[in-house]
């Protein structure tokens, strides 16, 4: 089966040695994604929207879309961020309704990050 790696746009991706997304056959795994400047300094809603936009871009580079997402895992650093993050998730996924897990954790890589999102997608048929 063919494998396609989508590079991260951050220096940390090269330093850590990971891809933003990996497609193997019909399956796409998008790495945990946080907002990037200038949105990384925003509130939970803004950070979640930014992360989801980065995820959408990575999916597009694998010939997938948000409509192909079957599961998300959302990490937040405080329950106070729930409303903003769930609002962003609902706006982006609307009728798609992927399976999702919301996890409260103690911290993310940078102190101002309040949300990180992973996504898993499956294409309906094998494509290029």
C-alpha atoms as a PDB file:
ATOM      1  CA  UNK A   1       0.000   0.000   0.000  1.00  0.00           C
ATOM      2  CA  UNK A   2       1.187   3.517  -0.744  1.00  0.00           C
ATOM      3  CA  UNK A   3       2.090   5.852   2.100  1.00  0.00           C
ATOM      4  CA  UNK A   4       1.959   9.625   1.823  1.00  0.00           C
ATOM      5  CA  UNK A   5       3.396  11.837   4.566  1.00  0.00           C
ATOM      6  CA  UNK A   6       2.295  15.457   4.873  1.00  0.00           C
ATOM      7  CA  UNK A   7       4.972  17.568   6.557  1.00  0.00           C
ATOM      8  CA  UNK A   8       4.236  19.983   9.356  1.00  0.00           C
ATOM      9  CA  UNK A   9       4.704  23.685   8.747  1.00  0.00           C
ATOM     10  CA  UNK A  10       6.532  24.182  12.037  1.00  0.00           C
ATOM     11  CA  UNK A  11      10.191  23.807  12.993  1.00  0.00           C
ATOM     12  CA  UNK A  12       9.061  21.559  15.837  1.00  0.00           C
ATOM     13  CA  UNK A  13       7.802  18.983  13.336  1.00  0.00           C
ATOM     14  CA  UNK A  14      11.290  18.525  11.914  1.00  0.00           C
ATOM     15  CA  UNK A  15      12.871  18.639  15.368  1.00  0.00           C
ATOM     16  CA  UNK A  16      10.473  16.048  16.808  1.00  0.00           C
ATOM     17  CA  UNK A  17      10.394  13.967  13.626  1.00  0.00           C
ATOM     18  CA  UNK A  18       6.711  13.639  12.790  1.00  0.00           C
ATOM     19  CA  UNK A  19       4.266  14.359   9.991  1.00  0.00           C
ATOM     20  CA  UNK A  20       1.170  16.550  10.220  1.00  0.00           C
ATOM     21  CA  UNK A  21      -0.742  13.752   8.515  1.00  0.00           C
ATOM     22  CA  UNK A  22      -0.088  10.288   7.152  1.00  0.00           C
ATOM     23  CA  UNK A  23      -2.227   8.594   4.550  1.00  0.00           C
ATOM     24  CA  UNK A  24      -1.986   4.852   4.051  1.00  0.00           C
ATOM     25  CA  UNK A  25      -4.503   3.577   1.540  1.00  0.00           C
ATOM     26  CA  UNK A  26      -7.911   4.991   2.473  1.00  0.00           C
ATOM     27  CA  UNK A  27      -6.895   5.853   6.047  1.00  0.00           C
ATOM     28  CA  UNK A  28      -5.613   9.269   7.113  1.00  0.00           C
ATOM     29  CA  UNK A  29      -4.251  10.062  10.562  1.00  0.00           C
ATOM     30  CA  UNK A  30      -3.772  13.733  11.439  1.00  0.00           C
ATOM     31  CA  UNK A  31      -1.400  14.411  14.319  1.00  0.00           C
ATOM     32  CA  UNK A  32      -2.386  16.385  17.369  1.00  0.00           C
ATOM     33  CA  UNK A  33      -2.745  19.942  16.093  1.00  0.00           C
ATOM     34  CA  UNK A  34      -2.581  23.239  17.968  1.00  0.00           C
ATOM     35  CA  UNK A  35      -3.253  26.735  16.668  1.00  0.00           C
ATOM     36  CA  UNK A  36      -0.389  28.583  15.022  1.00  0.00           C
ATOM     37  CA  UNK A  37       0.434  32.325  15.230  1.00  0.00           C
ATOM     38  CA  UNK A  38      -1.385  34.623  15.486  1.00  0.00           C
ATOM     39  CA  UNK A  39      -4.300  32.413  16.593  1.00  0.00           C
ATOM     40  CA  UNK A  40      -2.287  30.547  19.223  1.00  0.00           C
ATOM     41  CA  UNK A  41      -2.703  33.493  21.579  1.00  0.00           C
ATOM     42  CA  UNK A  42      -6.499  33.513  21.216  1.00  0.00           C
ATOM     43  CA  UNK A  43      -9.200  32.023  23.381  1.00  0.00           C
ATOM     44  CA  UNK A  44     -10.257  28.373  23.207  1.00  0.00           C
ATOM     45  CA  UNK A  45     -12.688  28.997  20.335  1.00  0.00           C
ATOM     46  CA  UNK A  46     -10.095  30.814  18.213  1.00  0.00           C
ATOM     47  CA  UNK A  47      -7.423  28.199  18.934  1.00  0.00           C
ATOM     48  CA  UNK A  48      -9.793  25.336  18.098  1.00  0.00           C
ATOM     49  CA  UNK A  49     -10.910  26.988  14.831  1.00  0.00           C
ATOM     50  CA  UNK A  50      -7.285  27.522  13.840  1.00  0.00           C
ATOM     51  CA  UNK A  51      -6.340  23.922  14.647  1.00  0.00           C
ATOM     52  CA  UNK A  52      -9.300  22.651  12.633  1.00  0.00           C
ATOM     53  CA  UNK A  53      -8.286  24.813   9.663  1.00  0.00           C
ATOM     54  CA  UNK A  54      -4.786  23.297   9.796  1.00  0.00           C
ATOM     55  CA  UNK A  55      -6.361  19.834   9.939  1.00  0.00           C
ATOM     56  CA  UNK A  56      -8.579  20.643   6.932  1.00  0.00           C
ATOM     57  CA  UNK A  57      -5.518  21.764   4.960  1.00  0.00           C
ATOM     58  CA  UNK A  58      -3.609  18.578   5.842  1.00  0.00           C
ATOM     59  CA  UNK A  59      -6.600  16.457   4.837  1.00  0.00           C
ATOM     60  CA  UNK A  60      -6.808  18.271   1.504  1.00  0.00           C
ATOM     61  CA  UNK A  61      -3.161  17.427   0.864  1.00  0.00           C
ATOM     62  CA  UNK A  62      -4.095  13.742   1.206  1.00  0.00           C
ATOM     63  CA  UNK A  63      -7.088  14.096  -1.160  1.00  0.00           C
ATOM     64  CA  UNK A  64      -9.506  13.972   1.786  1.00  0.00           C
ATOM     65  CA  UNK A  65     -11.789  16.526   3.404  1.00  0.00           C
ATOM     66  CA  UNK A  66     -13.428  17.215   6.738  1.00  0.00           C
ATOM     67  CA  UNK A  67     -16.371  15.178   5.440  1.00  0.00           C
ATOM     68  CA  UNK A  68     -14.166  12.079   5.550  1.00  0.00           C
ATOM     69  CA  UNK A  69     -13.359  12.490   9.256  1.00  0.00           C
ATOM     70  CA  UNK A  70     -14.711   9.610  11.332  1.00  0.00           C
ATOM     71  CA  UNK A  71     -13.108  10.435  14.706  1.00  0.00           C
ATOM     72  CA  UNK A  72     -11.575  13.327  16.577  1.00  0.00           C
ATOM     73  CA  UNK A  73      -9.761  13.463  19.878  1.00  0.00           C
ATOM     74  CA  UNK A  74      -9.760  16.866  21.559  1.00  0.00           C
ATOM     75  CA  UNK A  75      -7.470  17.744  24.449  1.00  0.00           C
ATOM     76  CA  UNK A  76      -8.178  20.807  26.592  1.00  0.00           C
ATOM     77  CA  UNK A  77      -6.233  22.152  29.556  1.00  0.00           C
ATOM     78  CA  UNK A  78      -9.246  23.249  31.615  1.00  0.00           C
ATOM     79  CA  UNK A  79     -12.966  22.496  31.616  1.00  0.00           C
ATOM     80  CA  UNK A  80     -13.510  26.257  31.277  1.00  0.00           C
ATOM     81  CA  UNK A  81     -12.477  25.850  27.599  1.00  0.00           C
ATOM     82  CA  UNK A  82     -15.228  23.330  26.827  1.00  0.00           C
ATOM     83  CA  UNK A  83     -17.823  25.767  25.457  1.00  0.00           C
ATOM     84  CA  UNK A  84     -15.449  27.488  23.025  1.00  0.00           C
ATOM     85  CA  UNK A  85     -13.927  24.254  21.774  1.00  0.00           C
ATOM     86  CA  UNK A  86     -17.235  22.431  21.346  1.00  0.00           C
ATOM     87  CA  UNK A  87     -18.663  25.443  19.500  1.00  0.00           C
ATOM     88  CA  UNK A  88     -15.755  25.402  17.027  1.00  0.00           C
ATOM     89  CA  UNK A  89     -16.017  21.611  16.596  1.00  0.00           C
ATOM     90  CA  UNK A  90     -19.775  21.801  15.995  1.00  0.00           C
ATOM     91  CA  UNK A  91     -19.379  24.647  13.458  1.00  0.00           C
ATOM     92  CA  UNK A  92     -16.751  22.753  11.487  1.00  0.00           C
ATOM     93  CA  UNK A  93     -18.286  19.281  11.611  1.00  0.00           C
ATOM     94  CA  UNK A  94     -21.990  20.216  11.562  1.00  0.00           C
ATOM     95  CA  UNK A  95     -23.820  17.260   9.979  1.00  0.00           C
ATOM     96  CA  UNK A  96     -20.671  15.103   9.745  1.00  0.00           C
ATOM     97  CA  UNK A  97     -20.808  14.211  13.457  1.00  0.00           C
ATOM     98  CA  UNK A  98     -17.586  12.210  13.820  1.00  0.00           C
ATOM     99  CA  UNK A  99     -17.071  10.031  16.871  1.00  0.00           C
ATOM    100  CA  UNK A 100     -15.194  12.225  19.319  1.00  0.00           C
ATOM    101  CA  UNK A 101     -13.453  12.169  22.658  1.00  0.00           C
ATOM    102  CA  UNK A 102     -12.859  15.263  24.798  1.00  0.00           C
ATOM    103  CA  UNK A 103     -10.058  14.888  27.338  1.00  0.00           C
ATOM    104  CA  UNK A 104      -8.992  17.338  30.037  1.00  0.00           C
ATOM    105  CA  UNK A 105      -5.222  17.320  30.570  1.00  0.00           C
ATOM    106  CA  UNK A 106      -2.870  19.312  32.781  1.00  0.00           C
ATOM    107  CA  UNK A 107      -0.836  21.032  30.058  1.00  0.00           C
ATOM    108  CA  UNK A 108       0.160  21.221  26.409  1.00  0.00           C
ATOM    109  CA  UNK A 109       3.603  21.919  24.928  1.00  0.00           C
ATOM    110  CA  UNK A 110       3.397  25.706  25.291  1.00  0.00           C
ATOM    111  CA  UNK A 111       1.707  27.388  28.271  1.00  0.00           C
ATOM    112  CA  UNK A 112      -0.635  29.495  26.098  1.00  0.00           C
ATOM    113  CA  UNK A 113      -1.991  26.468  24.206  1.00  0.00           C
ATOM    114  CA  UNK A 114      -5.393  25.447  25.571  1.00  0.00           C
ATOM    115  CA  UNK A 115      -6.529  22.930  22.921  1.00  0.00           C
ATOM    116  CA  UNK A 116      -5.007  20.258  20.694  1.00  0.00           C
ATOM    117  CA  UNK A 117      -7.018  18.213  18.198  1.00  0.00           C
ATOM    118  CA  UNK A 118      -6.323  14.898  16.426  1.00  0.00           C
ATOM    119  CA  UNK A 119      -8.385  13.646  13.493  1.00  0.00           C
ATOM    120  CA  UNK A 120      -8.827  10.327  11.750  1.00  0.00           C
ATOM    121  CA  UNK A 121     -10.397  10.059   8.298  1.00  0.00           C
ATOM    122  CA  UNK A 122     -11.301   7.236   5.953  1.00  0.00           C
ATOM    123  CA  UNK A 123     -11.861   7.778   2.262  1.00  0.00           C
ATOM    124  CA  UNK A 124     -14.874   5.950   0.810  1.00  0.00           C
ATOM    125  CA  UNK A 125     -12.854   4.378  -2.035  1.00  0.00           C
ATOM    126  CA  UNK A 126      -9.211   3.972  -2.931  1.00  0.00           C
ATOM    127  CA  UNK A 127      -8.013   7.056  -4.812  1.00  0.00           C
ATOM    128  CA  UNK A 128      -4.708   8.497  -6.030  1.00  0.00           C
END
